[in-house]
Amino acid sequence: MKKVNVIPVWDKTEKEWLQIRRGGIGGSDAGTVVGVNKYKSPYALWAEKTGVLIPEFTGNEATKWGHRLERIVAQAYAEDYNKAVVEWPVILWSEEYPWMYANLDFVVVE
């Protein structure tokens, strides 16, 4: 496997972070890619990622609460499994698969 690149996003605005995420396919896009997302078609995702369309979705109650609960879920995981969990907001990608992004919020320290 080729080198994994780290794109720090802890100092980015939400707009900057979203722009970086548009450069690749991440876990949030997986359901759309395989055609099981009832809210977006694979074509619409392609159009957004290539700049043909400007994304219209800016969030809703579910995404707002999901974001608010990220830290609590990470803390609960750490307690339940006796693990050290630290915040590490980065995007990972490799030259081998430049279209594939991993957007991390927290990592487990072994």
PDB file of N, CA and C in Angstrom:
ATOM      1  N   MET A   1       0.846  -1.186   0.000  1.00  0.00           N
ATOM      2  CA  MET A   1       0.000   0.000   0.000  1.00  0.00           C
ATOM      3  C   MET A   1       0.883   1.238   0.000  1.00  0.00           C
ATOM      4  N   LYS A   2       0.471   2.199  -0.761  1.00  0.00           N
ATOM      5  CA  LYS A   2       1.219   3.442  -0.830  1.00  0.00           C
ATOM      6  C   LYS A   2       0.980   4.286   0.417  1.00  0.00           C
ATOM      7  N   LYS A   3       1.764   5.311   0.538  1.00  0.00           N
ATOM      8  CA  LYS A   3       1.688   6.222   1.674  1.00  0.00           C
ATOM      9  C   LYS A   3       0.274   6.790   1.852  1.00  0.00           C
ATOM     10  N   VAL A   4      -0.151   6.904   3.105  1.00  0.00           N
ATOM     11  CA  VAL A   4      -1.432   7.519   3.430  1.00  0.00           C
ATOM     12  C   VAL A   4      -1.183   8.990   3.739  1.00  0.00           C
ATOM     13  N   ASN A   5      -1.928   9.840   3.091  1.00  0.00           N
ATOM     14  CA  ASN A   5      -1.804  11.277   3.289  1.00  0.00           C
ATOM     15  C   ASN A   5      -2.821  11.753   4.314  1.00  0.00           C
ATOM     16  N   VAL A   6      -2.430  12.724   5.114  1.00  0.00           N
ATOM     17  CA  VAL A   6      -3.281  13.274   6.163  1.00  0.00           C
ATOM     18  C   VAL A   6      -3.583  14.735   5.830  1.00  0.00           C
ATOM     19  N   ILE A   7      -4.878  15.038   5.753  1.00  0.00           N
ATOM     20  CA  ILE A   7      -5.312  16.417   5.541  1.00  0.00           C
ATOM     21  C   ILE A   7      -5.921  16.898   6.852  1.00  0.00           C
ATOM     22  N   PRO A   8      -5.226  17.750   7.612  1.00  0.00           N
ATOM     23  CA  PRO A   8      -5.801  18.249   8.859  1.00  0.00           C
ATOM     24  C   PRO A   8      -7.001  19.146   8.566  1.00  0.00           C
ATOM     25  N   VAL A   9      -8.061  18.983   9.339  1.00  0.00           N
ATOM     26  CA  VAL A   9      -9.237  19.834   9.145  1.00  0.00           C
ATOM     27  C   VAL A   9      -9.664  20.541  10.432  1.00  0.00           C
ATOM     28  N   TRP A  10      -8.882  20.379  11.498  1.00  0.00           N
ATOM     29  CA  TRP A  10      -9.268  20.988  12.776  1.00  0.00           C
ATOM     30  C   TRP A  10      -9.273  22.505  12.717  1.00  0.00           C
ATOM     31  N   ASP A  11      -8.553  23.082  11.773  1.00  0.00           N
ATOM     32  CA  ASP A  11      -8.498  24.545  11.677  1.00  0.00           C
ATOM     33  C   ASP A  11      -9.322  25.082  10.511  1.00  0.00           C
ATOM     34  N   LYS A  12     -10.163  24.234   9.935  1.00  0.00           N
ATOM     35  CA  LYS A  12     -10.960  24.627   8.767  1.00  0.00           C
ATOM     36  C   LYS A  12     -12.370  25.045   9.196  1.00  0.00           C
ATOM     37  N   THR A  13     -12.945  25.954   8.441  1.00  0.00           N
ATOM     38  CA  THR A  13     -14.349  26.277   8.633  1.00  0.00           C
ATOM     39  C   THR A  13     -15.176  25.116   8.074  1.00  0.00           C
ATOM     40  N   GLU A  14     -16.448  25.083   8.402  1.00  0.00           N
ATOM     41  CA  GLU A  14     -17.295  24.011   7.860  1.00  0.00           C
ATOM     42  C   GLU A  14     -17.337  24.072   6.338  1.00  0.00           C
ATOM     43  N   LYS A  15     -17.368  25.274   5.791  1.00  0.00           N
ATOM     44  CA  LYS A  15     -17.385  25.436   4.331  1.00  0.00           C
ATOM     45  C   LYS A  15     -16.098  24.886   3.712  1.00  0.00           C
ATOM     46  N   GLU A  16     -14.953  25.188   4.313  1.00  0.00           N
ATOM     47  CA  GLU A  16     -13.674  24.672   3.807  1.00  0.00           C
ATOM     48  C   GLU A  16     -13.614  23.150   3.918  1.00  0.00           C
ATOM     49  N   TRP A  17     -14.093  22.612   5.045  1.00  0.00           N
ATOM     50  CA  TRP A  17     -14.107  21.172   5.269  1.00  0.00           C
ATOM     51  C   TRP A  17     -14.973  20.468   4.228  1.00  0.00           C
ATOM     52  N   LEU A  18     -16.154  21.015   3.964  1.00  0.00           N
ATOM     53  CA  LEU A  18     -17.041  20.430   2.964  1.00  0.00           C
ATOM     54  C   LEU A  18     -16.414  20.471   1.573  1.00  0.00           C
ATOM     55  N   GLN A  19     -15.709  21.547   1.266  1.00  0.00           N
ATOM     56  CA  GLN A  19     -15.046  21.660  -0.037  1.00  0.00           C
ATOM     57  C   GLN A  19     -13.971  20.580  -0.182  1.00  0.00           C
ATOM     58  N   ILE A  20     -13.206  20.332   0.869  1.00  0.00           N
ATOM     59  CA  ILE A  20     -12.191  19.278   0.828  1.00  0.00           C
ATOM     60  C   ILE A  20     -12.861  17.922   0.629  1.00  0.00           C
ATOM     61  N   ARG A  21     -13.946  17.665   1.353  1.00  0.00           N
ATOM     62  CA  ARG A  21     -14.661  16.384   1.244  1.00  0.00           C
ATOM     63  C   ARG A  21     -15.209  16.145  -0.157  1.00  0.00           C
ATOM     64  N   ARG A  22     -15.485  17.209  -0.874  1.00  0.00           N
ATOM     65  CA  ARG A  22     -16.001  17.044  -2.241  1.00  0.00           C
ATOM     66  C   ARG A  22     -14.945  16.459  -3.177  1.00  0.00           C
ATOM     67  N   GLY A  23     -13.700  16.413  -2.739  1.00  0.00           N
ATOM     68  CA  GLY A  23     -12.622  15.892  -3.574  1.00  0.00           C
ATOM     69  C   GLY A  23     -12.562  14.387  -3.649  1.00  0.00           C
ATOM     70  N   GLY A  24     -13.379  13.691  -2.869  1.00  0.00           N
ATOM     71  CA  GLY A  24     -13.328  12.235  -2.878  1.00  0.00           C
ATOM     72  C   GLY A  24     -14.618  11.626  -2.377  1.00  0.00           C
ATOM     73  N   ILE A  25     -14.632  10.302  -2.344  1.00  0.00           N
ATOM     74  CA  ILE A  25     -15.784   9.548  -1.877  1.00  0.00           C
ATOM     75  C   ILE A  25     -15.487   9.061  -0.466  1.00  0.00           C
ATOM     76  N   GLY A  26     -16.330   9.429   0.478  1.00  0.00           N
ATOM     77  CA  GLY A  26     -16.159   9.009   1.863  1.00  0.00           C
ATOM     78  C   GLY A  26     -17.272   8.083   2.310  1.00  0.00           C
ATOM     79  N   GLY A  27     -17.226   7.690   3.564  1.00  0.00           N
ATOM     80  CA  GLY A  27     -18.215   6.777   4.109  1.00  0.00           C
ATOM     81  C   GLY A  27     -19.637   7.296   4.000  1.00  0.00           C
ATOM     82  N   SER A  28     -19.821   8.589   4.123  1.00  0.00           N
ATOM     83  CA  SER A  28     -21.167   9.167   4.005  1.00  0.00           C
ATOM     84  C   SER A  28     -21.727   9.028   2.597  1.00  0.00           C
ATOM     85  N   ASP A  29     -20.853   8.818   1.627  1.00  0.00           N
ATOM     86  CA  ASP A  29     -21.271   8.683   0.232  1.00  0.00           C
ATOM     87  C   ASP A  29     -21.508   7.235  -0.185  1.00  0.00           C
ATOM     88  N   ALA A  30     -21.078   6.295   0.638  1.00  0.00           N
ATOM     89  CA  ALA A  30     -21.104   4.880   0.244  1.00  0.00           C
ATOM     90  C   ALA A  30     -22.499   4.392  -0.124  1.00  0.00           C
ATOM     91  N   GLY A  31     -23.496   4.721   0.675  1.00  0.00           N
ATOM     92  CA  GLY A  31     -24.862   4.276   0.379  1.00  0.00           C
ATOM     93  C   GLY A  31     -25.369   4.820  -0.944  1.00  0.00           C
ATOM     94  N   THR A  32     -24.975   6.039  -1.261  1.00  0.00           N
ATOM     95  CA  THR A  32     -25.372   6.635  -2.531  1.00  0.00           C
ATOM     96  C   THR A  32     -24.681   5.923  -3.688  1.00  0.00           C
ATOM     97  N   VAL A  33     -23.411   5.642  -3.537  1.00  0.00           N
ATOM     98  CA  VAL A  33     -22.645   4.975  -4.595  1.00  0.00           C
ATOM     99  C   VAL A  33     -23.265   3.630  -4.970  1.00  0.00           C
ATOM    100  N   VAL A  34     -23.711   2.867  -3.968  1.00  0.00           N
ATOM    101  CA  VAL A  34     -24.272   1.541  -4.249  1.00  0.00           C
ATOM    102  C   VAL A  34     -25.786   1.573  -4.471  1.00  0.00           C
ATOM    103  N   GLY A  35     -26.380   2.758  -4.479  1.00  0.00           N
ATOM    104  CA  GLY A  35     -27.776   2.900  -4.850  1.00  0.00           C
ATOM    105  C   GLY A  35     -28.802   2.617  -3.766  1.00  0.00           C
ATOM    106  N   VAL A  36     -28.411   2.671  -2.492  1.00  0.00           N
ATOM    107  CA  VAL A  36     -29.382   2.409  -1.425  1.00  0.00           C
ATOM    108  C   VAL A  36     -29.768   3.665  -0.640  1.00  0.00           C
ATOM    109  N   ASN A  37     -29.283   4.817  -1.041  1.00  0.00           N
ATOM    110  CA  ASN A  37     -29.652   6.081  -0.393  1.00  0.00           C
ATOM    111  C   ASN A  37     -30.904   6.623  -1.069  1.00  0.00           C
ATOM    112  N   LYS A  38     -32.004   6.687  -0.337  1.00  0.00           N
ATOM    113  CA  LYS A  38     -33.258   7.154  -0.933  1.00  0.00           C
ATOM    114  C   LYS A  38     -33.310   8.671  -1.100  1.00  0.00           C
ATOM    115  N   TYR A  39     -32.296   9.387  -0.594  1.00  0.00           N
ATOM    116  CA  TYR A  39     -32.298  10.837  -0.666  1.00  0.00           C
ATOM    117  C   TYR A  39     -31.443  11.399  -1.808  1.00  0.00           C
ATOM    118  N   LYS A  40     -30.568  10.563  -2.375  1.00  0.00           N
ATOM    119  CA  LYS A  40     -29.682  11.055  -3.435  1.00  0.00           C
ATOM    120  C   LYS A  40     -29.336   9.915  -4.377  1.00  0.00           C
ATOM    121  N   SER A  41     -29.305  10.209  -5.662  1.00  0.00           N
ATOM    122  CA  SER A  41     -28.949   9.198  -6.661  1.00  0.00           C
ATOM    123  C   SER A  41     -27.432   9.189  -6.886  1.00  0.00           C
ATOM    124  N   PRO A  42     -26.896   8.085  -7.375  1.00  0.00           N
ATOM    125  CA  PRO A  42     -25.474   8.071  -7.728  1.00  0.00           C
ATOM    126  C   PRO A  42     -25.118   9.169  -8.732  1.00  0.00           C
ATOM    127  N   TYR A  43     -26.025   9.453  -9.683  1.00  0.00           N
ATOM    128  CA  TYR A  43     -25.769  10.521 -10.647  1.00  0.00           C
ATOM    129  C   TYR A  43     -25.661  11.875  -9.953  1.00  0.00           C
ATOM    130  N   ALA A  44     -26.556  12.147  -9.003  1.00  0.00           N
ATOM    131  CA  ALA A  44     -26.505  13.432  -8.283  1.00  0.00           C
ATOM    132  C   ALA A  44     -25.198  13.548  -7.503  1.00  0.00           C
ATOM    133  N   LEU A  45     -24.746  12.446  -6.899  1.00  0.00           N
ATOM    134  CA  LEU A  45     -23.466  12.468  -6.176  1.00  0.00           C
ATOM    135  C   LEU A  45     -22.323  12.760  -7.134  1.00  0.00           C
ATOM    136  N   TRP A  46     -22.305  12.083  -8.273  1.00  0.00           N
ATOM    137  CA  TRP A  46     -21.271  12.330  -9.282  1.00  0.00           C
ATOM    138  C   TRP A  46     -21.280  13.797  -9.696  1.00  0.00           C
ATOM    139  N   ALA A  47     -22.475  14.337  -9.944  1.00  0.00           N
ATOM    140  CA  ALA A  47     -22.592  15.732 -10.388  1.00  0.00           C
ATOM    141  C   ALA A  47     -22.068  16.690  -9.327  1.00  0.00           C
ATOM    142  N   GLU A  48     -22.334  16.388  -8.051  1.00  0.00           N
ATOM    143  CA  GLU A  48     -21.821  17.242  -6.970  1.00  0.00           C
ATOM    144  C   GLU A  48     -20.304  17.129  -6.866  1.00  0.00           C
ATOM    145  N   LYS A  49     -19.770  15.917  -6.925  1.00  0.00           N
ATOM    146  CA  LYS A  49     -18.322  15.710  -6.759  1.00  0.00           C
ATOM    147  C   LYS A  49     -17.524  16.300  -7.916  1.00  0.00           C
ATOM    148  N   THR A  50     -18.124  16.353  -9.107  1.00  0.00           N
ATOM    149  CA  THR A  50     -17.413  16.899 -10.264  1.00  0.00           C
ATOM    150  C   THR A  50     -17.691  18.379 -10.483  1.00  0.00           C
ATOM    151  N   GLY A  51     -18.553  18.966  -9.649  1.00  0.00           N
ATOM    152  CA  GLY A  51     -18.837  20.391  -9.762  1.00  0.00           C
ATOM    153  C   GLY A  51     -19.916  20.736 -10.773  1.00  0.00           C
ATOM    154  N   VAL A  52     -20.571  19.737 -11.366  1.00  0.00           N
ATOM    155  CA  VAL A  52     -21.658  19.990 -12.302  1.00  0.00           C
ATOM    156  C   VAL A  52     -22.839  20.610 -11.564  1.00  0.00           C
ATOM    157  N   LEU A  53     -23.118  20.120 -10.351  1.00  0.00           N
ATOM    158  CA  LEU A  53     -24.178  20.660  -9.505  1.00  0.00           C
ATOM    159  C   LEU A  53     -23.591  21.162  -8.198  1.00  0.00           C
ATOM    160  N   ILE A  54     -24.190  22.194  -7.647  1.00  0.00           N
ATOM    161  CA  ILE A  54     -23.813  22.673  -6.324  1.00  0.00           C
ATOM    162  C   ILE A  54     -24.695  21.943  -5.314  1.00  0.00           C
ATOM    163  N   PRO A  55     -24.096  21.312  -4.301  1.00  0.00           N
ATOM    164  CA  PRO A  55     -24.913  20.588  -3.318  1.00  0.00           C
ATOM    165  C   PRO A  55     -25.920  21.512  -2.647  1.00  0.00           C
ATOM    166  N   GLU A  56     -27.142  21.019  -2.513  1.00  0.00           N
ATOM    167  CA  GLU A  56     -28.203  21.816  -1.900  1.00  0.00           C
ATOM    168  C   GLU A  56     -28.394  21.492  -0.421  1.00  0.00           C
ATOM    169  N   PHE A  57     -28.064  20.283  -0.014  1.00  0.00           N
ATOM    170  CA  PHE A  57     -28.309  19.859   1.363  1.00  0.00           C
ATOM    171  C   PHE A  57     -27.361  20.579   2.309  1.00  0.00           C
ATOM    172  N   THR A  58     -27.920  21.238   3.306  1.00  0.00           N
ATOM    173  CA  THR A  58     -27.091  21.953   4.281  1.00  0.00           C
ATOM    174  C   THR A  58     -27.261  21.398   5.686  1.00  0.00           C
ATOM    175  N   GLY A  59     -27.987  20.294   5.809  1.00  0.00           N
ATOM    176  CA  GLY A  59     -28.185  19.684   7.107  1.00  0.00           C
ATOM    177  C   GLY A  59     -29.642  19.715   7.520  1.00  0.00           C
ATOM    178  N   ASN A  60     -29.928  18.944   8.566  1.00  0.00           N
ATOM    179  CA  ASN A  60     -31.270  18.887   9.123  1.00  0.00           C
ATOM    180  C   ASN A  60     -31.139  18.532  10.604  1.00  0.00           C
ATOM    181  N   GLU A  61     -32.253  18.254  11.253  1.00  0.00           N
ATOM    182  CA  GLU A  61     -32.208  17.930  12.685  1.00  0.00           C
ATOM    183  C   GLU A  61     -31.353  16.692  12.949  1.00  0.00           C
ATOM    184  N   ALA A  62     -31.476  15.680  12.099  1.00  0.00           N
ATOM    185  CA  ALA A  62     -30.707  14.444  12.306  1.00  0.00           C
ATOM    186  C   ALA A  62     -29.207  14.701  12.197  1.00  0.00           C
ATOM    187  N   THR A  63     -28.782  15.452  11.195  1.00  0.00           N
ATOM    188  CA  THR A  63     -27.344  15.716  11.049  1.00  0.00           C
ATOM    189  C   THR A  63     -26.842  16.648  12.150  1.00  0.00           C
ATOM    190  N   LYS A  64     -27.681  17.598  12.549  1.00  0.00           N
ATOM    191  CA  LYS A  64     -27.293  18.508  13.632  1.00  0.00           C
ATOM    192  C   LYS A  64     -27.060  17.720  14.926  1.00  0.00           C
ATOM    193  N   TRP A  65     -28.013  16.827  15.264  1.00  0.00           N
ATOM    194  CA  TRP A  65     -27.871  16.049  16.489  1.00  0.00           C
ATOM    195  C   TRP A  65     -26.766  15.007  16.378  1.00  0.00           C
ATOM    196  N   GLY A  66     -26.591  14.452  15.205  1.00  0.00           N
ATOM    197  CA  GLY A  66     -25.490  13.514  15.010  1.00  0.00           C
ATOM    198  C   GLY A  66     -24.154  14.171  15.295  1.00  0.00           C
ATOM    199  N   HIS A  67     -23.984  15.387  14.811  1.00  0.00           N
ATOM    200  CA  HIS A  67     -22.744  16.127  15.068  1.00  0.00           C
ATOM    201  C   HIS A  67     -22.587  16.438  16.558  1.00  0.00           C
ATOM    202  N   ARG A  68     -23.677  16.856  17.186  1.00  0.00           N
ATOM    203  CA  ARG A  68     -23.618  17.175  18.611  1.00  0.00           C
ATOM    204  C   ARG A  68     -23.261  15.969  19.474  1.00  0.00           C
ATOM    205  N   LEU A  69     -23.680  14.788  19.050  1.00  0.00           N
ATOM    206  CA  LEU A  69     -23.485  13.576  19.854  1.00  0.00           C
ATOM    207  C   LEU A  69     -22.176  12.834  19.573  1.00  0.00           C
ATOM    208  N   GLU A  70     -21.391  13.280  18.600  1.00  0.00           N
ATOM    209  CA  GLU A  70     -20.153  12.568  18.256  1.00  0.00           C
ATOM    210  C   GLU A  70     -19.232  12.377  19.460  1.00  0.00           C
ATOM    211  N   ARG A  71     -18.982  13.427  20.199  1.00  0.00           N
ATOM    212  CA  ARG A  71     -18.070  13.341  21.354  1.00  0.00           C
ATOM    213  C   ARG A  71     -18.637  12.417  22.434  1.00  0.00           C
ATOM    214  N   ILE A  72     -19.938  12.496  22.678  1.00  0.00           N
ATOM    215  CA  ILE A  72     -20.568  11.655  23.696  1.00  0.00           C
ATOM    216  C   ILE A  72     -20.464  10.184  23.302  1.00  0.00           C
ATOM    217  N   VAL A  73     -20.692   9.880  22.030  1.00  0.00           N
ATOM    218  CA  VAL A  73     -20.591   8.499  21.552  1.00  0.00           C
ATOM    219  C   VAL A  73     -19.151   7.999  21.686  1.00  0.00           C
ATOM    220  N   ALA A  74     -18.177   8.829  21.346  1.00  0.00           N
ATOM    221  CA  ALA A  74     -16.768   8.440  21.487  1.00  0.00           C
ATOM    222  C   ALA A  74     -16.423   8.181  22.957  1.00  0.00           C
ATOM    223  N   GLN A  75     -16.897   9.031  23.849  1.00  0.00           N
ATOM    224  CA  GLN A  75     -16.641   8.834  25.283  1.00  0.00           C
ATOM    225  C   GLN A  75     -17.303   7.551  25.788  1.00  0.00           C
ATOM    226  N   ALA A  76     -18.517   7.282  25.357  1.00  0.00           N
ATOM    227  CA  ALA A  76     -19.219   6.065  25.775  1.00  0.00           C
ATOM    228  C   ALA A  76     -18.477   4.823  25.281  1.00  0.00           C
ATOM    229  N   TYR A  77     -17.990   4.864  24.042  1.00  0.00           N
ATOM    230  CA  TYR A  77     -17.227   3.739  23.502  1.00  0.00           C
ATOM    231  C   TYR A  77     -15.974   3.507  24.352  1.00  0.00           C
ATOM    232  N   ALA A  78     -15.267   4.582  24.669  1.00  0.00           N
ATOM    233  CA  ALA A  78     -14.046   4.477  25.476  1.00  0.00           C
ATOM    234  C   ALA A  78     -14.343   3.843  26.822  1.00  0.00           C
ATOM    235  N   GLU A  79     -15.435   4.264  27.466  1.00  0.00           N
ATOM    236  CA  GLU A  79     -15.809   3.705  28.769  1.00  0.00           C
ATOM    237  C   GLU A  79     -16.243   2.239  28.650  1.00  0.00           C
ATOM    238  N   ASP A  80     -17.080   1.936  27.671  1.00  0.00           N
ATOM    239  CA  ASP A  80     -17.623   0.580  27.521  1.00  0.00           C
ATOM    240  C   ASP A  80     -16.556  -0.453  27.174  1.00  0.00           C
ATOM    241  N   TYR A  81     -15.541  -0.029  26.426  1.00  0.00           N
ATOM    242  CA  TYR A  81     -14.520  -0.975  25.955  1.00  0.00           C
ATOM    243  C   TYR A  81     -13.141  -0.735  26.557  1.00  0.00           C
ATOM    244  N   ASN A  82     -13.084   0.145  27.557  1.00  0.00           N
ATOM    245  CA  ASN A  82     -11.828   0.441  28.247  1.00  0.00           C
ATOM    246  C   ASN A  82     -10.719   0.814  27.258  1.00  0.00           C
ATOM    247  N   LYS A  83     -11.024   1.755  26.394  1.00  0.00           N
ATOM    248  CA  LYS A  83     -10.090   2.200  25.358  1.00  0.00           C
ATOM    249  C   LYS A  83      -9.808   3.687  25.527  1.00  0.00           C
ATOM    250  N   ALA A  84      -8.683   4.105  25.011  1.00  0.00           N
ATOM    251  CA  ALA A  84      -8.365   5.527  24.953  1.00  0.00           C
ATOM    252  C   ALA A  84      -8.808   6.044  23.588  1.00  0.00           C
ATOM    253  N   VAL A  85      -9.710   7.003  23.593  1.00  0.00           N
ATOM    254  CA  VAL A  85     -10.225   7.580  22.360  1.00  0.00           C
ATOM    255  C   VAL A  85      -9.863   9.064  22.358  1.00  0.00           C
ATOM    256  N   VAL A  86      -9.252   9.509  21.267  1.00  0.00           N
ATOM    257  CA  VAL A  86      -8.858  10.915  21.168  1.00  0.00           C
ATOM    258  C   VAL A  86      -9.434  11.538  19.901  1.00  0.00           C
ATOM    259  N   GLU A  87      -9.718  12.807  19.984  1.00  0.00           N
ATOM    260  CA  GLU A  87     -10.213  13.533  18.817  1.00  0.00           C
ATOM    261  C   GLU A  87      -9.065  13.741  17.842  1.00  0.00           C
ATOM    262  N   TRP A  88      -9.311  13.452  16.572  1.00  0.00           N
ATOM    263  CA  TRP A  88      -8.295  13.656  15.526  1.00  0.00           C
ATOM    264  C   TRP A  88      -9.013  13.975  14.226  1.00  0.00           C
ATOM    265  N   PRO A  89      -9.499  15.216  14.072  1.00  0.00           N
ATOM    266  CA  PRO A  89     -10.279  15.571  12.881  1.00  0.00           C
ATOM    267  C   PRO A  89      -9.392  15.760  11.652  1.00  0.00           C
ATOM    268  N   VAL A  90      -9.305  14.695  10.875  1.00  0.00           N
ATOM    269  CA  VAL A  90      -8.490  14.706   9.657  1.00  0.00           C
ATOM    270  C   VAL A  90      -9.227  13.937   8.563  1.00  0.00           C
ATOM    271  N   ILE A  91      -8.757  14.120   7.337  1.00  0.00           N
ATOM    272  CA  ILE A  91      -9.192  13.299   6.214  1.00  0.00           C
ATOM    273  C   ILE A  91      -7.967  12.535   5.738  1.00  0.00           C
ATOM    274  N   LEU A  92      -8.108  11.220   5.587  1.00  0.00           N
ATOM    275  CA  LEU A  92      -7.023  10.369   5.111  1.00  0.00           C
ATOM    276  C   LEU A  92      -7.316   9.928   3.681  1.00  0.00           C
ATOM    277  N   TRP A  93      -6.264   9.853   2.869  1.00  0.00           N
ATOM    278  CA  TRP A  93      -6.398   9.298   1.526  1.00  0.00           C
ATOM    279  C   TRP A  93      -5.033   8.815   1.075  1.00  0.00           C
ATOM    280  N   SER A  94      -5.031   7.883   0.151  1.00  0.00           N
ATOM    281  CA  SER A  94      -3.761   7.361  -0.366  1.00  0.00           C
ATOM    282  C   SER A  94      -3.678   7.601  -1.866  1.00  0.00           C
ATOM    283  N   GLU A  95      -2.460   7.647  -2.374  1.00  0.00           N
ATOM    284  CA  GLU A  95      -2.264   7.831  -3.809  1.00  0.00           C
ATOM    285  C   GLU A  95      -2.753   6.619  -4.591  1.00  0.00           C
ATOM    286  N   GLU A  96      -2.794   5.463  -3.926  1.00  0.00           N
ATOM    287  CA  GLU A  96      -3.268   4.244  -4.581  1.00  0.00           C
ATOM    288  C   GLU A  96      -4.753   4.342  -4.928  1.00  0.00           C
ATOM    289  N   TYR A  97      -5.536   4.973  -4.044  1.00  0.00           N
ATOM    290  CA  TYR A  97      -6.971   5.178  -4.254  1.00  0.00           C
ATOM    291  C   TYR A  97      -7.292   6.648  -3.994  1.00  0.00           C
ATOM    292  N   PRO A  98      -6.911   7.551  -4.895  1.00  0.00           N
ATOM    293  CA  PRO A  98      -7.045   8.980  -4.613  1.00  0.00           C
ATOM    294  C   PRO A  98      -8.488   9.472  -4.489  1.00  0.00           C
ATOM    295  N   TRP A  99      -9.450   8.711  -4.921  1.00  0.00           N
ATOM    296  CA  TRP A  99     -10.859   9.074  -4.841  1.00  0.00           C
ATOM    297  C   TRP A  99     -11.488   8.658  -3.511  1.00  0.00           C
ATOM    298  N   MET A 100     -10.787   7.831  -2.733  1.00  0.00           N
ATOM    299  CA  MET A 100     -11.340   7.267  -1.503  1.00  0.00           C
ATOM    300  C   MET A 100     -10.840   8.055  -0.291  1.00  0.00           C
ATOM    301  N   TYR A 101     -11.773   8.658   0.435  1.00  0.00           N
ATOM    302  CA  TYR A 101     -11.432   9.452   1.609  1.00  0.00           C
ATOM    303  C   TYR A 101     -11.948   8.783   2.872  1.00  0.00           C
ATOM    304  N   ALA A 102     -11.207   8.947   3.947  1.00  0.00           N
ATOM    305  CA  ALA A 102     -11.668   8.546   5.274  1.00  0.00           C
ATOM    306  C   ALA A 102     -11.687   9.810   6.122  1.00  0.00           C
ATOM    307  N   ASN A 103     -12.872  10.243   6.488  1.00  0.00           N
ATOM    308  CA  ASN A 103     -13.030  11.447   7.286  1.00  0.00           C
ATOM    309  C   ASN A 103     -13.115  11.022   8.758  1.00  0.00           C
ATOM    310  N   LEU A 104     -12.057  11.268   9.525  1.00  0.00           N
ATOM    311  CA  LEU A 104     -12.010  10.827  10.917  1.00  0.00           C
ATOM    312  C   LEU A 104     -12.387  11.969  11.849  1.00  0.00           C
ATOM    313  N   ASP A 105     -13.063  11.602  12.921  1.00  0.00           N
ATOM    314  CA  ASP A 105     -13.336  12.542  13.997  1.00  0.00           C
ATOM    315  C   ASP A 105     -12.557  12.134  15.242  1.00  0.00           C
ATOM    316  N   PHE A 106     -12.573  10.820  15.525  1.00  0.00           N
ATOM    317  CA  PHE A 106     -11.909  10.276  16.705  1.00  0.00           C
ATOM    318  C   PHE A 106     -11.165   9.006  16.304  1.00  0.00           C
ATOM    319  N   VAL A 107     -10.114   8.678  17.052  1.00  0.00           N
ATOM    320  CA  VAL A 107      -9.395   7.431  16.846  1.00  0.00           C
ATOM    321  C   VAL A 107      -9.182   6.748  18.182  1.00  0.00           C
ATOM    322  N   VAL A 108      -9.066   5.424  18.131  1.00  0.00           N
ATOM    323  CA  VAL A 108      -8.769   4.637  19.310  1.00  0.00           C
ATOM    324  C   VAL A 108      -7.252   4.506  19.382  1.00  0.00           C
ATOM    325  N   VAL A 109      -6.684   4.836  20.518  1.00  0.00           N
ATOM    326  CA  VAL A 109      -5.235   4.744  20.711  1.00  0.00           C
ATOM    327  C   VAL A 109      -4.933   3.406  21.343  1.00  0.00           C
ATOM    328  N   GLU A 110      -4.120   2.614  20.673  1.00  0.00           N
ATOM    329  CA  GLU A 110      -3.751   1.289  21.191  1.00  0.00           C
ATOM    330  C   GLU A 110      -2.416   1.386  21.907  1.00  0.00           C
TER     331      GLU A 110
END
